[in-house]
Amino acid sequence: MLSESIHTDVIINASNGTIKAHRAVLAARSLLFHSMFTHDLKEKEMCAINISDMTIEACQAAADKYDVMDLKDACEESIMEDVDTKNVLERLQSASMYRLPKLKVCCIHYLVKFGKIYDIREDFNAFIQSGDRDLIFEVVNNMLSVWKGF
């Protein structure tokens, strides 16, 4: 069914093309995909998942080689590689929502220990106003720990 795209209902957009997939299979095998398709997220509405930092070949090889949980870990590692000021707050929120502890630590370190929080003051202020309170507390707690060391 997958190789012939029979009843596929979601598209995975990789950096160099697309893969058609079955939403029910993805959701059944992965809490991450299940969460994407049951909450009001863009993936649910658009029936598409954007994985722009991986090629089709990498996605297929990972899906073939690994169990979905291992795929989650591989994707988390890949996403951590290009955290920057443009995407750090979005990735921090995703890390919190999808329980990606390594990505969360990476984003918090990027903001706090590398001082990038100052480069995105306006965005960070908006994050404080509308973000998850527990996540905001965790970031602020890390800031206080770093400042305490000075």
N, C-alpha and C. Protein backbone atom coordinates (compact mmCIF):
# COMPACT_ATOMS: atom_id res chain seq x y z
N MET A 1 0.82 -1.19 0.00
CA MET A 1 0.00 0.00 0.00
C MET A 1 0.87 1.26 0.00
N LEU A 2 1.94 1.24 0.78
CA LEU A 2 2.78 2.42 0.85
C LEU A 2 3.54 2.65 -0.45
N SER A 3 4.13 1.59 -0.99
CA SER A 3 4.94 1.75 -2.20
C SER A 3 4.12 2.17 -3.40
N GLU A 4 2.83 1.82 -3.42
CA GLU A 4 1.95 2.21 -4.53
C GLU A 4 1.07 3.40 -4.16
N SER A 5 1.29 4.00 -2.99
CA SER A 5 0.53 5.16 -2.51
C SER A 5 -0.97 4.92 -2.44
N ILE A 6 -1.36 3.72 -2.08
CA ILE A 6 -2.78 3.38 -1.96
C ILE A 6 -3.31 3.94 -0.65
N HIS A 7 -4.29 4.80 -0.72
CA HIS A 7 -4.95 5.42 0.43
C HIS A 7 -4.01 6.20 1.35
N THR A 8 -2.92 6.70 0.80
CA THR A 8 -2.06 7.56 1.62
C THR A 8 -2.81 8.86 1.88
N ASP A 9 -2.63 9.40 3.09
CA ASP A 9 -3.39 10.59 3.45
C ASP A 9 -2.54 11.68 4.10
N VAL A 10 -1.24 11.52 4.05
CA VAL A 10 -0.34 12.53 4.58
C VAL A 10 0.93 12.53 3.74
N ILE A 11 1.54 13.69 3.64
CA ILE A 11 2.78 13.83 2.88
C ILE A 11 3.87 14.28 3.83
N ILE A 12 5.02 13.64 3.73
CA ILE A 12 6.19 14.07 4.48
C ILE A 12 7.08 14.83 3.50
N ASN A 13 7.28 16.11 3.78
CA ASN A 13 8.11 16.95 2.93
C ASN A 13 9.53 16.96 3.47
N ALA A 14 10.43 16.32 2.74
CA ALA A 14 11.84 16.30 3.12
C ALA A 14 12.55 17.40 2.33
N SER A 15 13.84 17.53 2.53
CA SER A 15 14.57 18.62 1.89
C SER A 15 14.65 18.49 0.37
N ASN A 16 14.53 17.27 -0.14
CA ASN A 16 14.68 17.09 -1.58
C ASN A 16 13.50 16.37 -2.24
N GLY A 17 12.33 16.45 -1.62
CA GLY A 17 11.15 15.83 -2.22
C GLY A 17 10.13 15.44 -1.16
N THR A 18 9.19 14.59 -1.57
CA THR A 18 8.11 14.20 -0.66
C THR A 18 7.95 12.68 -0.61
N ILE A 19 7.37 12.23 0.49
CA ILE A 19 7.03 10.82 0.69
C ILE A 19 5.57 10.79 1.11
N LYS A 20 4.79 9.94 0.49
CA LYS A 20 3.40 9.77 0.90
C LYS A 20 3.34 8.69 1.98
N ALA A 21 2.45 8.90 2.96
CA ALA A 21 2.38 7.96 4.08
C ALA A 21 0.94 7.83 4.56
N HIS A 22 0.75 6.95 5.52
CA HIS A 22 -0.56 6.72 6.11
C HIS A 22 -0.58 7.29 7.52
N ARG A 23 -1.45 8.26 7.73
CA ARG A 23 -1.56 8.94 9.01
C ARG A 23 -1.85 7.95 10.15
N ALA A 24 -2.74 7.02 9.93
CA ALA A 24 -3.12 6.06 10.97
C ALA A 24 -1.93 5.20 11.40
N VAL A 25 -1.11 4.79 10.44
CA VAL A 25 0.06 3.98 10.77
C VAL A 25 1.08 4.80 11.56
N LEU A 26 1.33 6.01 11.10
CA LEU A 26 2.27 6.87 11.81
C LEU A 26 1.79 7.14 13.24
N ALA A 27 0.51 7.47 13.37
CA ALA A 27 -0.05 7.78 14.69
C ALA A 27 -0.06 6.56 15.61
N ALA A 28 -0.30 5.39 15.05
CA ALA A 28 -0.33 4.18 15.86
C ALA A 28 1.06 3.79 16.36
N ARG A 29 2.09 4.11 15.59
CA ARG A 29 3.45 3.71 15.94
C ARG A 29 4.21 4.75 16.73
N SER A 30 3.69 5.99 16.79
CA SER A 30 4.47 7.06 17.40
C SER A 30 3.58 8.05 18.16
N LEU A 31 3.92 8.32 19.41
CA LEU A 31 3.20 9.33 20.18
C LEU A 31 3.38 10.71 19.56
N LEU A 32 4.53 10.96 18.99
CA LEU A 32 4.79 12.25 18.33
C LEU A 32 3.81 12.47 17.19
N PHE A 33 3.70 11.51 16.29
CA PHE A 33 2.78 11.64 15.17
C PHE A 33 1.32 11.65 15.65
N HIS A 34 1.02 10.83 16.63
CA HIS A 34 -0.33 10.81 17.19
C HIS A 34 -0.70 12.20 17.70
N SER A 35 0.22 12.82 18.42
CA SER A 35 -0.01 14.15 18.95
C SER A 35 -0.18 15.17 17.83
N MET A 36 0.63 15.07 16.80
CA MET A 36 0.52 15.99 15.66
C MET A 36 -0.87 15.94 15.03
N PHE A 37 -1.40 14.74 14.92
CA PHE A 37 -2.66 14.57 14.19
C PHE A 37 -3.90 14.71 15.06
N THR A 38 -3.74 14.77 16.37
CA THR A 38 -4.92 14.91 17.22
C THR A 38 -5.06 16.31 17.81
N HIS A 39 -3.99 17.08 17.84
CA HIS A 39 -4.07 18.45 18.33
C HIS A 39 -4.22 19.41 17.16
N ASP A 40 -4.62 20.61 17.43
CA ASP A 40 -4.81 21.60 16.37
C ASP A 40 -3.46 22.18 15.94
N LEU A 41 -2.70 21.38 15.25
CA LEU A 41 -1.41 21.80 14.72
C LEU A 41 -1.49 21.86 13.21
N LYS A 42 -0.54 22.56 12.61
CA LYS A 42 -0.57 22.72 11.16
C LYS A 42 -0.47 21.39 10.42
N GLU A 43 0.21 20.39 11.01
CA GLU A 43 0.34 19.09 10.36
C GLU A 43 -1.02 18.42 10.19
N LYS A 44 -1.89 18.60 11.17
CA LYS A 44 -3.24 18.02 11.09
C LYS A 44 -4.04 18.69 10.00
N GLU A 45 -4.01 20.00 9.98
CA GLU A 45 -4.80 20.76 9.02
C GLU A 45 -4.31 20.58 7.59
N MET A 46 -2.99 20.62 7.40
CA MET A 46 -2.42 20.57 6.06
C MET A 46 -2.19 19.14 5.57
N CYS A 47 -2.29 18.17 6.46
CA CYS A 47 -1.99 16.77 6.11
C CYS A 47 -0.58 16.64 5.55
N ALA A 48 0.33 17.40 6.15
CA ALA A 48 1.72 17.38 5.72
C ALA A 48 2.63 17.54 6.93
N ILE A 49 3.78 16.90 6.85
CA ILE A 49 4.80 17.00 7.89
C ILE A 49 6.06 17.51 7.21
N ASN A 50 6.59 18.62 7.69
CA ASN A 50 7.80 19.19 7.10
C ASN A 50 9.02 18.77 7.90
N ILE A 51 9.91 18.07 7.23
CA ILE A 51 11.19 17.67 7.82
C ILE A 51 12.26 18.20 6.87
N SER A 52 12.43 19.51 6.87
CA SER A 52 13.27 20.17 5.88
C SER A 52 14.76 19.94 6.07
N ASP A 53 15.17 19.42 7.22
CA ASP A 53 16.60 19.20 7.44
C ASP A 53 17.03 17.76 7.19
N MET A 54 16.15 16.97 6.56
CA MET A 54 16.50 15.60 6.20
C MET A 54 16.10 15.34 4.74
N THR A 55 16.89 14.52 4.07
CA THR A 55 16.56 14.14 2.70
C THR A 55 15.54 12.99 2.72
N ILE A 56 14.93 12.76 1.58
CA ILE A 56 14.01 11.62 1.45
C ILE A 56 14.73 10.32 1.78
N GLU A 57 15.93 10.20 1.27
CA GLU A 57 16.70 8.98 1.49
C GLU A 57 16.96 8.76 2.98
N ALA A 58 17.28 9.84 3.70
CA ALA A 58 17.53 9.73 5.14
C ALA A 58 16.26 9.33 5.88
N CYS A 59 15.14 9.93 5.51
CA CYS A 59 13.86 9.58 6.14
C CYS A 59 13.51 8.12 5.90
N GLN A 60 13.65 7.68 4.65
CA GLN A 60 13.31 6.30 4.33
C GLN A 60 14.26 5.32 5.00
N ALA A 61 15.55 5.64 4.99
CA ALA A 61 16.53 4.75 5.61
C ALA A 61 16.28 4.67 7.11
N ALA A 62 16.00 5.80 7.73
CA ALA A 62 15.74 5.80 9.17
C ALA A 62 14.47 5.02 9.48
N ALA A 63 13.43 5.23 8.70
CA ALA A 63 12.17 4.52 8.95
C ALA A 63 12.33 3.02 8.74
N ASP A 64 13.13 2.63 7.75
CA ASP A 64 13.35 1.21 7.49
C ASP A 64 14.24 0.58 8.55
N LYS A 65 15.25 1.30 8.98
CA LYS A 65 16.26 0.74 9.86
C LYS A 65 15.85 0.75 11.33
N TYR A 66 15.13 1.80 11.73
CA TYR A 66 14.86 1.98 13.14
C TYR A 66 13.39 1.79 13.47
N ASP A 67 13.15 1.42 14.70
CA ASP A 67 11.81 1.48 15.25
C ASP A 67 11.46 2.96 15.34
N VAL A 68 10.17 3.30 15.39
CA VAL A 68 9.76 4.70 15.38
C VAL A 68 10.36 5.48 16.54
N MET A 69 10.50 4.88 17.73
CA MET A 69 11.09 5.59 18.85
C MET A 69 12.54 5.93 18.56
N ASP A 70 13.25 5.02 17.91
CA ASP A 70 14.62 5.31 17.52
C ASP A 70 14.65 6.41 16.46
N LEU A 71 13.66 6.40 15.58
CA LEU A 71 13.55 7.46 14.58
C LEU A 71 13.34 8.80 15.26
N LYS A 72 12.54 8.81 16.31
CA LYS A 72 12.32 10.04 17.07
C LYS A 72 13.65 10.56 17.61
N ASP A 73 14.45 9.68 18.18
CA ASP A 73 15.75 10.08 18.71
C ASP A 73 16.67 10.59 17.60
N ALA A 74 16.66 9.91 16.47
CA ALA A 74 17.50 10.35 15.35
C ALA A 74 17.06 11.72 14.84
N CYS A 75 15.77 11.93 14.75
CA CYS A 75 15.26 13.23 14.31
C CYS A 75 15.60 14.31 15.32
N GLU A 76 15.49 13.99 16.60
CA GLU A 76 15.82 14.96 17.65
C GLU A 76 17.29 15.38 17.52
N GLU A 77 18.16 14.42 17.33
CA GLU A 77 19.59 14.73 17.15
C GLU A 77 19.81 15.61 15.93
N SER A 78 19.12 15.30 14.86
CA SER A 78 19.27 16.07 13.63
C SER A 78 18.78 17.51 13.81
N ILE A 79 17.67 17.68 14.48
CA ILE A 79 17.09 19.00 14.70
C ILE A 79 18.00 19.84 15.59
N MET A 80 18.69 19.21 16.52
CA MET A 80 19.57 19.94 17.43
C MET A 80 20.75 20.57 16.70
N GLU A 81 21.12 20.02 15.57
CA GLU A 81 22.32 20.47 14.86
C GLU A 81 22.21 21.89 14.31
N ASP A 82 21.02 22.36 14.03
CA ASP A 82 20.92 23.69 13.42
C ASP A 82 20.01 24.65 14.18
N VAL A 83 20.03 24.56 15.51
CA VAL A 83 19.29 25.51 16.33
C VAL A 83 19.96 26.88 16.16
N ASP A 84 19.15 27.89 15.88
CA ASP A 84 19.67 29.24 15.75
C ASP A 84 18.65 30.25 16.27
N THR A 85 18.96 31.53 16.18
CA THR A 85 18.07 32.55 16.74
C THR A 85 16.73 32.60 16.04
N LYS A 86 16.66 32.15 14.81
CA LYS A 86 15.39 32.18 14.07
C LYS A 86 14.44 31.08 14.50
N ASN A 87 14.97 29.96 15.00
CA ASN A 87 14.10 28.82 15.29
C ASN A 87 14.14 28.32 16.73
N VAL A 88 14.97 28.92 17.58
CA VAL A 88 15.19 28.37 18.92
C VAL A 88 13.92 28.34 19.77
N LEU A 89 13.10 29.37 19.73
CA LEU A 89 11.90 29.38 20.57
C LEU A 89 10.86 28.39 20.07
N GLU A 90 10.71 28.28 18.76
CA GLU A 90 9.78 27.29 18.19
C GLU A 90 10.23 25.87 18.54
N ARG A 91 11.53 25.63 18.43
CA ARG A 91 12.04 24.30 18.74
C ARG A 91 11.97 24.01 20.23
N LEU A 92 12.14 25.02 21.05
CA LEU A 92 12.01 24.84 22.49
C LEU A 92 10.58 24.44 22.84
N GLN A 93 9.61 25.10 22.23
CA GLN A 93 8.21 24.75 22.48
C GLN A 93 7.89 23.35 21.97
N SER A 94 8.41 23.00 20.80
CA SER A 94 8.21 21.65 20.26
C SER A 94 8.85 20.61 21.17
N ALA A 95 10.05 20.92 21.66
CA ALA A 95 10.74 19.98 22.56
C ALA A 95 9.92 19.73 23.82
N SER A 96 9.31 20.78 24.32
CA SER A 96 8.48 20.63 25.51
C SER A 96 7.21 19.84 25.20
N MET A 97 6.56 20.18 24.10
CA MET A 97 5.30 19.53 23.73
C MET A 97 5.47 18.05 23.41
N TYR A 98 6.56 17.71 22.70
CA TYR A 98 6.75 16.34 22.25
C TYR A 98 7.72 15.54 23.13
N ARG A 99 8.04 16.09 24.28
CA ARG A 99 8.93 15.43 25.24
C ARG A 99 10.25 15.02 24.61
N LEU A 100 10.98 16.02 24.14
CA LEU A 100 12.30 15.83 23.55
C LEU A 100 13.34 16.47 24.48
N PRO A 101 13.77 15.74 25.49
CA PRO A 101 14.61 16.35 26.53
C PRO A 101 15.96 16.88 26.04
N LYS A 102 16.59 16.18 25.12
CA LYS A 102 17.89 16.65 24.64
C LYS A 102 17.74 17.95 23.84
N LEU A 103 16.69 18.04 23.04
CA LEU A 103 16.45 19.26 22.28
C LEU A 103 16.12 20.42 23.22
N LYS A 104 15.34 20.14 24.27
CA LYS A 104 14.99 21.19 25.23
C LYS A 104 16.24 21.74 25.90
N VAL A 105 17.11 20.87 26.36
CA VAL A 105 18.35 21.30 27.00
C VAL A 105 19.21 22.09 26.02
N CYS A 106 19.29 21.61 24.80
CA CYS A 106 20.06 22.30 23.76
C CYS A 106 19.55 23.72 23.56
N CYS A 107 18.24 23.88 23.45
CA CYS A 107 17.65 25.20 23.23
C CYS A 107 17.86 26.12 24.43
N ILE A 108 17.68 25.59 25.62
CA ILE A 108 17.87 26.40 26.82
C ILE A 108 19.34 26.83 26.95
N HIS A 109 20.26 25.94 26.69
CA HIS A 109 21.68 26.29 26.72
C HIS A 109 21.98 27.35 25.67
N TYR A 110 21.42 27.19 24.50
CA TYR A 110 21.64 28.17 23.42
C TYR A 110 21.17 29.55 23.87
N LEU A 111 19.99 29.60 24.47
CA LEU A 111 19.44 30.88 24.92
C LEU A 111 20.21 31.46 26.10
N VAL A 112 20.47 30.64 27.09
CA VAL A 112 20.99 31.13 28.37
C VAL A 112 22.51 31.13 28.41
N LYS A 113 23.11 30.00 28.23
CA LYS A 113 24.57 29.90 28.40
C LYS A 113 25.34 30.60 27.28
N PHE A 114 24.77 30.63 26.09
CA PHE A 114 25.43 31.32 24.99
C PHE A 114 24.93 32.76 24.84
N GLY A 115 24.02 33.16 25.70
CA GLY A 115 23.55 34.54 25.73
C GLY A 115 22.72 34.97 24.53
N LYS A 116 22.18 34.03 23.78
CA LYS A 116 21.40 34.38 22.58
C LYS A 116 20.05 34.98 22.92
N ILE A 117 19.66 34.90 24.17
CA ILE A 117 18.39 35.47 24.61
C ILE A 117 18.37 36.98 24.34
N TYR A 118 19.56 37.59 24.39
CA TYR A 118 19.66 39.03 24.15
C TYR A 118 19.50 39.38 22.67
N ASP A 119 19.82 38.44 21.81
CA ASP A 119 19.69 38.67 20.36
C ASP A 119 18.24 38.62 19.89
N ILE A 120 17.37 38.02 20.70
CA ILE A 120 15.96 37.86 20.29
C ILE A 120 15.02 38.41 21.36
N ARG A 121 15.36 39.55 21.90
CA ARG A 121 14.60 40.12 23.03
C ARG A 121 13.11 40.22 22.74
N GLU A 122 12.75 40.78 21.60
CA GLU A 122 11.32 40.96 21.29
C GLU A 122 10.60 39.62 21.19
N ASP A 123 11.19 38.68 20.50
CA ASP A 123 10.60 37.35 20.38
C ASP A 123 10.52 36.66 21.74
N PHE A 124 11.55 36.83 22.56
CA PHE A 124 11.54 36.22 23.88
C PHE A 124 10.47 36.84 24.77
N ASN A 125 10.29 38.16 24.66
CA ASN A 125 9.23 38.82 25.42
C ASN A 125 7.85 38.27 25.01
N ALA A 126 7.64 38.07 23.72
CA ALA A 126 6.38 37.49 23.24
C ALA A 126 6.23 36.06 23.76
N PHE A 127 7.32 35.32 23.78
CA PHE A 127 7.32 33.95 24.31
C PHE A 127 6.91 33.95 25.79
N ILE A 128 7.43 34.89 26.55
CA ILE A 128 7.09 34.98 27.97
C ILE A 128 5.60 35.30 28.14
N GLN A 129 5.07 36.13 27.27
CA GLN A 129 3.66 36.52 27.38
C GLN A 129 2.70 35.38 27.04
N SER A 130 3.09 34.54 26.10
CA SER A 130 2.12 33.53 25.62
C SER A 130 2.59 32.08 25.76
N GLY A 131 3.80 31.86 26.23
CA GLY A 131 4.34 30.50 26.29
C GLY A 131 3.83 29.70 27.47
N ASP A 132 4.20 28.45 27.49
CA ASP A 132 3.87 27.53 28.57
C ASP A 132 4.59 27.96 29.84
N ARG A 133 3.84 28.12 30.92
CA ARG A 133 4.41 28.65 32.18
C ARG A 133 5.53 27.77 32.74
N ASP A 134 5.36 26.46 32.67
CA ASP A 134 6.40 25.56 33.18
C ASP A 134 7.69 25.70 32.37
N LEU A 135 7.54 25.87 31.07
CA LEU A 135 8.70 26.03 30.21
C LEU A 135 9.38 27.37 30.47
N ILE A 136 8.60 28.41 30.62
CA ILE A 136 9.15 29.73 30.94
C ILE A 136 9.90 29.67 32.27
N PHE A 137 9.31 29.01 33.26
CA PHE A 137 9.96 28.86 34.56
C PHE A 137 11.30 28.15 34.41
N GLU A 138 11.34 27.12 33.59
CA GLU A 138 12.58 26.37 33.40
C GLU A 138 13.67 27.24 32.78
N VAL A 139 13.30 28.05 31.79
CA VAL A 139 14.27 28.94 31.15
C VAL A 139 14.76 29.98 32.15
N VAL A 140 13.83 30.62 32.86
CA VAL A 140 14.20 31.65 33.84
C VAL A 140 15.05 31.05 34.96
N ASN A 141 14.72 29.86 35.41
CA ASN A 141 15.49 29.19 36.45
C ASN A 141 16.93 28.96 35.97
N ASN A 142 17.08 28.57 34.70
CA ASN A 142 18.43 28.39 34.14
C ASN A 142 19.17 29.71 34.07
N MET A 143 18.46 30.78 33.72
CA MET A 143 19.08 32.11 33.68
C MET A 143 19.59 32.49 35.06
N LEU A 144 18.78 32.27 36.09
CA LEU A 144 19.18 32.60 37.45
C LEU A 144 20.37 31.77 37.90
N SER A 145 20.41 30.53 37.52
CA SER A 145 21.54 29.65 37.88
C SER A 145 22.84 30.15 37.24
N VAL A 146 22.76 30.57 35.98
CA VAL A 146 23.94 31.08 35.29
C VAL A 146 24.40 32.38 35.93
N TRP A 147 23.46 33.27 36.20
CA TRP A 147 23.80 34.58 36.78
C TRP A 147 24.33 34.42 38.20
N LYS A 148 23.86 33.42 38.91
CA LYS A 148 24.31 33.17 40.27
C LYS A 148 25.80 32.81 40.29
N GLY A 149 26.25 32.19 39.21
CA GLY A 149 27.65 31.79 39.10
C GLY A 149 28.60 32.94 38.86
N PHE A 150 28.09 34.12 38.53
CA PHE A 150 28.96 35.26 38.26
C PHE A 150 29.31 36.00 39.51
